[in-house]
């Protein structure tokens, strides 16, 4: 029964992807399927609704973060922060190595801050704006950003996902990081090589440099406009909570909007809700966007996804799959089984944290060593979740930077880690790279 329900959900997802329909339809179908499963297994309607609300309540912080991201993406544009950075940086970057530079910059910031969302909301937005000005394909830039932000999310000492895995497996986070670096050296080098090669062979036609001369006519440019992103990066080093980081950045951006760009309070409130819009058609494609309403679709996706976790915990639908997983480990390697499970949990859970927890719960009996289990989780659930289009780990960063969903196809680092592990296991079945 469980496999049939999950299979039908998978088919609905596949149909929506092939038919180019919104993933919301598939998620709604999935909710109906899992709700019906709950009814079949003797759970009442009120109980299932309570479990759904409970699941959404557990991610209330994420919903607040999404609202703040909408405000940040609007106020950074309106305050001139994005304009100042693009104006001062665009002359210094060589188009042929831009994709490579984007990957490295996002790697550095994500390692320093330990947050993929925070990196996307700072360096990611800046890189996408520069890419737009230079006429570089948004799919390529988005893929490089998605790869880069998860380098640190995976192996930064201040990463919440790394801390979660070390807590679940009762291992030392620094020993885990040492192992993670070992398993990611080859994928990292290959990713850099791919981005360098693609940068040289793609025939990007940069927009005319005259567009840079237009920017000062629409924004007051001053170094103080660097404060909103600088504060996020600086305060993140002290492990300040994401809500505080973003709230401070929004407040500072609003002050800059009023006192530097001379935007009225009424206009500022409108911008925070509806997004920023500039009158110049040439600059519109670069600077227009953001606002709380731009996050509505993502919020809907996340709420439906979160309701699943409540139903799963109450009905035990995934617990009944443990026996099947144990059997599969006889045919695949332990890592291969964990990778398969993490793919399934990422599809169903729709967020990285829940995927990590579910994968651990379902696979903890497969591994004989907690250290190896920790590395296996880092090399599966952490990097697989951002490859699922409707996952929070993917949707939030891409929406934040304004990248197309097709950017997933170019997030090379996220593919190469599990592929490298699988390739290495075929040659050395008993070793970790």
Protein backbone atom coordinates (compact mmCIF):
# COMPACT_ATOMS: atom_id res chain seq x y z
CA UNK A 1 0.00 0.00 0.00
CA UNK A 2 2.74 2.46 1.01
CA UNK A 3 4.71 1.88 -2.19
CA UNK A 4 1.56 2.34 -4.31
CA UNK A 5 0.77 5.69 -2.66
CA UNK A 6 4.35 6.94 -3.04
CA UNK A 7 4.44 5.62 -6.62
CA UNK A 8 1.27 7.52 -7.54
CA UNK A 9 2.75 10.66 -6.02
CA UNK A 10 5.89 10.13 -8.08
CA UNK A 11 3.83 9.75 -11.25
CA UNK A 12 1.96 12.98 -10.55
CA UNK A 13 5.27 14.79 -10.11
CA UNK A 14 6.59 13.34 -13.35
CA UNK A 15 3.43 14.28 -15.24
CA UNK A 16 3.59 17.89 -14.05
CA UNK A 17 7.24 18.16 -15.03
CA UNK A 18 6.64 16.69 -18.49
CA UNK A 19 3.49 18.75 -19.05
CA UNK A 20 5.25 21.91 -17.84
CA UNK A 21 2.60 22.41 -15.15
CA UNK A 22 3.18 24.06 -11.80
CA UNK A 23 4.59 21.68 -9.22
CA UNK A 24 1.83 22.91 -6.89
CA UNK A 25 -0.65 20.64 -8.69
CA UNK A 26 1.49 17.57 -8.01
CA UNK A 27 1.98 18.55 -4.39
CA UNK A 28 -1.77 18.99 -3.92
CA UNK A 29 -2.37 15.56 -5.48
CA UNK A 30 0.27 14.18 -3.12
CA UNK A 31 -1.48 15.72 -0.14
CA UNK A 32 -4.77 14.11 -1.17
CA UNK A 33 -3.03 10.73 -1.61
CA UNK A 34 -1.30 10.85 1.78
CA UNK A 35 -4.49 12.13 3.43
CA UNK A 36 -6.43 9.20 1.94
CA UNK A 37 -3.72 6.82 3.15
CA UNK A 38 -4.25 8.21 6.64
CA UNK A 39 -8.00 7.60 6.39
CA UNK A 40 -7.43 4.03 5.15
CA UNK A 41 -5.12 3.34 8.10
CA UNK A 42 -7.87 4.37 10.56
CA UNK A 43 -6.80 7.96 11.27
CA UNK A 44 -9.61 10.49 11.62
CA UNK A 45 -10.06 13.60 9.48
CA UNK A 46 -9.53 15.93 12.45
CA UNK A 47 -6.35 14.10 13.44
CA UNK A 48 -4.93 14.30 9.91
CA UNK A 49 -5.75 18.01 9.67
CA UNK A 50 -4.11 18.55 13.05
CA UNK A 51 -1.00 16.69 11.86
CA UNK A 52 -0.93 18.83 8.70
CA UNK A 53 -1.10 22.07 10.67
CA UNK A 54 1.50 20.72 13.08
CA UNK A 55 3.86 20.07 10.17
CA UNK A 56 3.42 23.63 8.89
CA UNK A 57 3.86 25.08 12.38
CA UNK A 58 7.23 23.36 12.68
CA UNK A 59 8.59 25.40 9.76
CA UNK A 60 7.18 28.76 10.87
CA UNK A 61 10.71 30.17 11.07
CA UNK A 62 11.31 29.27 7.42
CA UNK A 63 8.11 31.07 6.42
CA UNK A 64 9.27 34.19 8.25
CA UNK A 65 12.65 33.89 6.52
CA UNK A 66 10.88 33.78 3.15
CA UNK A 67 9.00 36.98 3.93
CA UNK A 68 12.29 38.61 4.95
CA UNK A 69 13.94 37.39 1.74
CA UNK A 70 11.16 39.07 -0.23
CA UNK A 71 11.88 42.30 1.66
CA UNK A 72 15.64 41.98 1.21
CA UNK A 73 15.47 41.38 -2.54
CA UNK A 74 13.28 44.48 -2.89
CA UNK A 75 15.08 46.84 -0.49
CA UNK A 76 18.55 45.95 -1.74
CA UNK A 77 17.40 46.95 -5.20
CA UNK A 78 15.65 50.11 -4.05
CA UNK A 79 18.47 51.25 -1.75
CA UNK A 80 21.01 51.06 -4.56
CA UNK A 81 23.05 48.26 -2.96
CA UNK A 82 22.79 46.03 -6.03
CA UNK A 83 23.36 49.01 -8.33
CA UNK A 84 26.51 50.10 -6.47
CA UNK A 85 28.06 46.63 -6.46
CA UNK A 86 27.30 45.95 -10.11
CA UNK A 87 28.50 49.41 -11.16
CA UNK A 88 31.83 49.11 -9.32
CA UNK A 89 32.48 45.42 -10.03
CA UNK A 90 31.33 44.83 -13.58
CA UNK A 91 34.42 46.44 -15.16
CA UNK A 92 36.72 44.16 -13.18
CA UNK A 93 35.29 40.77 -14.19
CA UNK A 94 36.33 38.87 -17.32
CA UNK A 95 33.23 37.29 -18.95
CA UNK A 96 35.05 34.08 -19.94
CA UNK A 97 35.80 33.16 -16.30
CA UNK A 98 32.68 34.70 -14.77
CA UNK A 99 30.88 31.38 -14.11
CA UNK A 100 34.00 30.03 -12.40
CA UNK A 101 34.31 33.19 -10.27
CA UNK A 102 30.62 32.99 -9.30
CA UNK A 103 31.14 29.45 -8.03
CA UNK A 104 34.24 30.38 -6.01
CA UNK A 105 32.70 33.54 -4.49
CA UNK A 106 29.62 31.65 -3.32
CA UNK A 107 31.84 28.86 -1.97
CA UNK A 108 33.82 31.31 0.15
CA UNK A 109 30.78 33.11 1.58
CA UNK A 110 28.91 29.86 2.30
CA UNK A 111 31.94 28.42 4.13
CA UNK A 112 32.27 31.61 6.20
CA UNK A 113 28.57 31.86 7.05
CA UNK A 114 27.48 28.21 6.91
CA UNK A 115 24.16 29.13 5.33
CA UNK A 116 23.00 28.49 1.79
CA UNK A 117 20.03 30.86 2.08
CA UNK A 118 22.14 33.67 3.50
CA UNK A 119 24.74 33.22 0.75
CA UNK A 120 22.08 33.22 -1.96
CA UNK A 121 20.52 36.36 -0.45
CA UNK A 122 23.86 38.20 -0.54
CA UNK A 123 26.52 37.00 -2.96
CA UNK A 124 23.97 35.09 -5.06
CA UNK A 125 21.87 38.17 -5.81
CA UNK A 126 24.98 40.20 -6.60
CA UNK A 127 26.36 37.55 -8.98
CA UNK A 128 23.04 37.18 -10.81
CA UNK A 129 22.79 40.96 -11.24
CA UNK A 130 26.31 41.08 -12.66
CA UNK A 131 25.50 38.16 -14.95
CA UNK A 132 22.42 39.96 -16.26
CA UNK A 133 24.44 43.08 -17.03
CA UNK A 134 27.10 41.04 -18.82
CA UNK A 135 24.51 39.13 -20.83
CA UNK A 136 25.52 35.73 -19.43
CA UNK A 137 22.99 32.88 -19.50
CA UNK A 138 21.00 32.88 -16.24
CA UNK A 139 20.84 29.08 -16.22
CA UNK A 140 24.64 28.87 -16.05
CA UNK A 141 24.94 31.56 -13.38
CA UNK A 142 22.13 30.00 -11.32
CA UNK A 143 23.78 26.57 -11.52
CA UNK A 144 27.11 27.95 -10.34
CA UNK A 145 25.39 29.77 -7.46
CA UNK A 146 23.46 26.64 -6.43
CA UNK A 147 26.68 24.61 -6.46
CA UNK A 148 28.66 27.21 -4.53
CA UNK A 149 26.18 27.86 -1.74
CA UNK A 150 26.09 24.15 -0.83
CA UNK A 151 29.86 23.78 -0.57
CA UNK A 152 29.73 25.63 2.75
CA UNK A 153 26.28 24.36 3.70
CA UNK A 154 27.79 20.88 3.56
CA UNK A 155 31.18 21.33 5.23
CA UNK A 156 31.33 24.64 7.09
CA UNK A 157 31.94 24.36 10.86
CA UNK A 158 29.01 26.76 11.35
CA UNK A 159 26.63 24.87 9.04
CA UNK A 160 23.37 23.77 10.65
CA UNK A 161 23.13 20.68 8.41
CA UNK A 162 26.65 19.56 9.39
CA UNK A 163 25.78 20.17 13.04
CA UNK A 164 22.51 18.23 12.68
CA UNK A 165 24.27 15.20 11.19
CA UNK A 166 27.00 15.20 13.83
CA UNK A 167 24.28 15.38 16.50
CA UNK A 168 22.21 12.55 15.01
CA UNK A 169 25.21 10.26 14.51
CA UNK A 170 26.96 11.33 17.75
CA UNK A 171 30.17 12.12 15.88
CA UNK A 172 32.69 14.96 16.04
CA UNK A 173 31.83 17.69 13.53
CA UNK A 174 35.48 18.50 12.81
CA UNK A 175 36.31 14.86 12.10
CA UNK A 176 33.30 14.81 9.79
CA UNK A 177 34.53 17.93 7.98
CA UNK A 178 37.95 16.34 7.52
CA UNK A 179 36.30 13.33 5.86
CA UNK A 180 33.98 15.55 3.82
CA UNK A 181 36.93 17.44 2.39
CA UNK A 182 38.47 14.12 1.32
CA UNK A 183 35.32 12.97 -0.47
CA UNK A 184 34.80 16.30 -2.20
CA UNK A 185 38.30 17.19 -3.49
CA UNK A 186 37.86 15.50 -6.87
CA UNK A 187 34.25 16.73 -7.41
CA UNK A 188 35.35 20.27 -6.49
CA UNK A 189 38.27 20.27 -8.95
CA UNK A 190 36.14 18.78 -11.73
CA UNK A 191 33.39 21.36 -11.06
CA UNK A 192 35.93 24.20 -11.34
CA UNK A 193 37.22 22.72 -14.60
CA UNK A 194 33.71 22.41 -16.04
CA UNK A 195 32.83 26.01 -15.19
CA UNK A 196 36.10 27.26 -16.69
CA UNK A 197 35.57 25.30 -19.91
CA UNK A 198 31.92 26.33 -20.22
CA UNK A 199 32.89 29.95 -19.63
CA UNK A 200 35.37 29.85 -22.50
CA UNK A 201 33.16 28.00 -25.00
CA UNK A 202 29.89 29.87 -24.39
CA UNK A 203 29.66 32.81 -26.72
CA UNK A 204 28.15 35.35 -24.33
CA UNK A 205 27.55 38.73 -25.90
CA UNK A 206 27.96 41.28 -23.08
CA UNK A 207 25.55 44.18 -23.07
CA UNK A 208 27.00 47.49 -24.13
CA UNK A 209 29.08 49.24 -21.47
CA UNK A 210 26.90 52.33 -21.97
CA UNK A 211 24.41 50.72 -19.61
CA UNK A 212 26.86 51.30 -16.75
CA UNK A 213 26.78 55.04 -17.45
CA UNK A 214 23.00 55.03 -16.99
CA UNK A 215 23.10 53.59 -13.45
CA UNK A 216 24.31 56.79 -11.68
CA UNK A 217 21.37 58.69 -13.19
CA UNK A 218 18.90 56.49 -11.29
CA UNK A 219 20.77 55.79 -8.04
CA UNK A 220 22.87 57.78 -5.59
CA UNK A 221 26.02 55.65 -5.38
CA UNK A 222 28.06 55.57 -2.17
CA UNK A 223 30.20 52.97 -0.40
CA UNK A 224 27.78 52.97 2.55
CA UNK A 225 25.37 51.02 0.32
CA UNK A 226 27.56 47.97 0.99
CA UNK A 227 26.30 47.83 4.59
CA UNK A 228 23.26 45.49 4.07
CA UNK A 229 25.23 42.52 2.62
CA UNK A 230 28.35 43.29 4.68
CA UNK A 231 26.37 43.12 7.93
CA UNK A 232 24.88 39.73 7.02
CA UNK A 233 28.31 38.26 6.30
CA UNK A 234 29.98 39.85 9.34
CA UNK A 235 27.25 38.99 11.86
CA UNK A 236 26.94 35.43 10.49
CA UNK A 237 30.51 34.82 11.65
CA UNK A 238 29.20 35.25 15.20
CA UNK A 239 26.48 32.66 14.49
CA UNK A 240 23.67 35.16 14.92
CA UNK A 241 20.33 33.61 13.98
CA UNK A 242 19.26 33.98 10.36
CA UNK A 243 16.09 35.86 11.36
CA UNK A 244 18.16 38.52 13.10
CA UNK A 245 20.66 38.72 10.24
CA UNK A 246 17.97 39.34 7.67
CA UNK A 247 15.92 41.66 9.86
CA UNK A 248 18.96 43.86 10.50
CA UNK A 249 19.76 43.91 6.79
CA UNK A 250 16.18 44.92 5.93
CA UNK A 251 16.16 47.73 8.51
CA UNK A 252 19.51 49.10 7.30
CA UNK A 253 18.35 48.87 3.67
CA UNK A 254 15.18 50.79 4.52
CA UNK A 255 17.22 53.54 6.18
CA UNK A 256 19.40 53.77 3.05
CA UNK A 257 16.29 53.90 0.84
CA UNK A 258 14.95 56.89 2.77
CA UNK A 259 18.13 58.87 3.41
CA UNK A 260 20.30 58.00 0.39
CA UNK A 261 17.78 57.36 -2.40
CA UNK A 262 15.12 59.71 -0.94
CA UNK A 263 12.28 57.19 -1.24
CA UNK A 264 9.14 58.09 0.72
CA UNK A 265 7.84 55.77 3.44
CA UNK A 266 4.67 55.00 1.43
CA UNK A 267 6.69 54.07 -1.65
CA UNK A 268 9.05 52.00 0.46
CA UNK A 269 6.17 49.97 1.93
CA UNK A 270 4.81 49.44 -1.60
CA UNK A 271 8.25 48.29 -2.80
CA UNK A 272 8.61 45.84 0.10
CA UNK A 273 5.28 44.26 -0.80
CA UNK A 274 5.21 44.41 -4.61
CA UNK A 275 8.90 44.63 -5.43
CA UNK A 276 11.12 47.29 -6.95
CA UNK A 277 10.44 48.66 -10.44
CA UNK A 278 12.66 51.10 -12.30
CA UNK A 279 11.44 53.35 -15.11
CA UNK A 280 14.35 52.68 -17.49
CA UNK A 281 13.65 49.73 -19.82
CA UNK A 282 17.35 48.86 -20.19
CA UNK A 283 17.83 48.59 -16.44
CA UNK A 284 14.45 46.96 -15.76
CA UNK A 285 15.66 43.46 -16.61
CA UNK A 286 18.53 43.85 -14.16
CA UNK A 287 17.01 45.66 -11.18
CA UNK A 288 13.26 44.94 -11.25
CA UNK A 289 11.97 42.31 -8.85
CA UNK A 290 11.76 41.20 -5.24
CA UNK A 291 8.99 41.90 -2.76
CA UNK A 292 6.97 39.74 -0.38
CA UNK A 293 4.43 38.80 -3.06
CA UNK A 294 7.20 37.33 -5.23
CA UNK A 295 7.58 34.63 -2.55
CA UNK A 296 3.91 33.57 -2.43
CA UNK A 297 4.32 30.56 -4.74
CA UNK A 298 7.36 29.31 -2.85
CA UNK A 299 5.53 29.76 0.47
CA UNK A 300 2.61 27.70 -0.88
CA UNK A 301 4.97 24.93 -2.02
CA UNK A 302 6.70 24.86 1.35
CA UNK A 303 3.45 24.84 3.36
CA UNK A 304 2.09 21.86 1.41
CA UNK A 305 5.44 20.08 1.69
CA UNK A 306 5.59 20.71 5.42
CA UNK A 307 2.10 19.31 5.90
CA UNK A 308 3.46 16.00 4.54
CA UNK A 309 5.91 15.68 7.43
CA UNK A 310 3.09 15.92 9.95
CA UNK A 311 1.09 13.21 8.19
CA UNK A 312 4.20 11.00 7.84
CA UNK A 313 4.98 11.23 11.55
CA UNK A 314 1.39 10.43 12.50
CA UNK A 315 0.70 7.60 10.05
CA UNK A 316 4.15 5.97 10.03
CA UNK A 317 4.06 5.53 6.26
CA UNK A 318 7.85 5.68 5.90
CA UNK A 319 8.61 3.47 8.90
CA UNK A 320 7.03 0.55 7.08
CA UNK A 321 9.64 0.89 4.33
CA UNK A 322 12.54 -0.06 6.60
CA UNK A 323 12.36 -3.75 5.73
CA UNK A 324 12.45 -3.00 2.01
CA UNK A 325 15.52 -0.80 2.53
CA UNK A 326 17.30 -3.53 4.49
CA UNK A 327 16.65 -5.97 1.64
CA UNK A 328 17.90 -3.48 -0.97
CA UNK A 329 21.23 -3.14 0.86
CA UNK A 330 21.91 -6.78 -0.01
CA UNK A 331 21.84 -5.88 -3.70
CA UNK A 332 23.45 -2.43 -3.52
CA UNK A 333 26.26 -1.07 -1.39
CA UNK A 334 25.34 0.63 1.89
CA UNK A 335 26.15 3.99 0.32
CA UNK A 336 24.05 3.14 -2.76
CA UNK A 337 21.08 2.25 -0.56
CA UNK A 338 21.43 5.45 1.49
CA UNK A 339 21.67 7.48 -1.73
CA UNK A 340 18.47 5.88 -3.05
CA UNK A 341 16.66 6.49 0.23
CA UNK A 342 17.84 10.11 0.40
CA UNK A 343 16.54 10.69 -3.12
CA UNK A 344 13.12 9.34 -2.11
CA UNK A 345 13.00 11.27 1.17
CA UNK A 346 14.08 14.47 -0.60
CA UNK A 347 11.23 14.06 -3.08
CA UNK A 348 8.69 13.48 -0.34
CA UNK A 349 10.01 15.64 2.51
CA UNK A 350 10.72 18.62 0.25
CA UNK A 351 13.30 20.10 2.60
CA UNK A 352 16.87 19.25 3.52
CA UNK A 353 16.46 18.99 7.28
CA UNK A 354 13.55 16.56 7.17
CA UNK A 355 15.27 14.57 4.42
CA UNK A 356 18.39 14.20 6.58
CA UNK A 357 16.34 13.10 9.60
CA UNK A 358 14.20 10.63 7.62
CA UNK A 359 17.22 9.18 5.81
CA UNK A 360 19.01 8.72 9.14
CA UNK A 361 15.97 7.07 10.73
CA UNK A 362 15.52 4.68 7.81
CA UNK A 363 19.19 3.83 7.26
CA UNK A 364 20.89 4.02 10.66
CA UNK A 365 20.84 0.22 10.99
CA UNK A 366 22.61 -0.29 7.65
CA UNK A 367 25.93 1.26 8.66
CA UNK A 368 28.28 -0.43 11.12
CA UNK A 369 30.25 2.75 11.86
CA UNK A 370 28.70 6.07 12.91
CA UNK A 371 31.51 8.07 11.29
CA UNK A 372 30.89 6.42 7.92
CA UNK A 373 27.14 6.94 8.33
CA UNK A 374 27.74 10.65 8.96
CA UNK A 375 29.81 11.00 5.77
CA UNK A 376 27.28 8.97 3.79
CA UNK A 377 24.52 11.34 4.93
CA UNK A 378 26.63 14.38 4.00
CA UNK A 379 27.27 12.90 0.56
CA UNK A 380 23.61 12.01 -0.06
CA UNK A 381 20.80 13.86 1.73
CA UNK A 382 22.65 17.17 2.00
CA UNK A 383 23.49 17.41 -1.72
CA UNK A 384 20.51 15.55 -3.20
CA UNK A 385 17.83 17.74 -1.62
CA UNK A 386 18.89 20.89 -3.57
CA UNK A 387 18.43 18.95 -6.82
CA UNK A 388 14.68 18.50 -6.23
CA UNK A 389 12.80 21.42 -7.89
CA UNK A 390 10.05 21.61 -5.25
CA UNK A 391 12.43 21.24 -2.32
CA UNK A 392 12.96 24.24 -0.06
CA UNK A 393 16.71 23.73 -0.52
CA UNK A 394 16.35 24.37 -4.24
CA UNK A 395 13.35 26.65 -4.57
CA UNK A 396 14.37 29.31 -2.04
CA UNK A 397 17.89 30.00 -3.39
CA UNK A 398 16.78 30.06 -7.04
CA UNK A 399 13.79 32.31 -6.35
CA UNK A 400 15.95 34.57 -4.18
CA UNK A 401 18.50 35.18 -6.94
CA UNK A 402 15.93 35.13 -9.75
CA UNK A 403 17.43 32.12 -11.54
CA UNK A 404 15.38 29.75 -13.73
CA UNK A 405 14.59 26.28 -12.39
CA UNK A 406 16.66 24.79 -15.23
CA UNK A 407 19.72 25.97 -13.28
CA UNK A 408 19.50 22.66 -11.40
CA UNK A 409 20.90 20.93 -14.48
CA UNK A 410 24.08 23.00 -14.19
CA UNK A 411 24.67 22.54 -10.44
CA UNK A 412 27.61 20.25 -11.23
CA UNK A 413 29.08 20.00 -7.73
CA UNK A 414 25.86 18.53 -6.35
CA UNK A 415 25.85 15.76 -8.98
CA UNK A 416 29.55 15.00 -8.87
CA UNK A 417 29.80 14.18 -5.15
CA UNK A 418 27.44 11.15 -5.26
CA UNK A 419 28.72 10.12 -8.71
CA UNK A 420 32.32 10.19 -7.46
CA UNK A 421 31.39 8.15 -4.39
CA UNK A 422 29.62 5.56 -6.53
CA UNK A 423 32.50 5.38 -9.02
CA UNK A 424 35.04 5.03 -6.21
CA UNK A 425 33.00 2.30 -4.53
CA UNK A 426 32.99 0.22 -7.71
CA UNK A 427 36.79 0.26 -7.70
CA UNK A 428 37.40 0.16 -3.94
CA UNK A 429 34.24 -1.31 -2.33
CA UNK A 430 35.62 -1.24 1.23
CA UNK A 431 37.05 2.28 1.28
CA UNK A 432 35.86 5.87 1.50
CA UNK A 433 37.62 8.24 -0.95
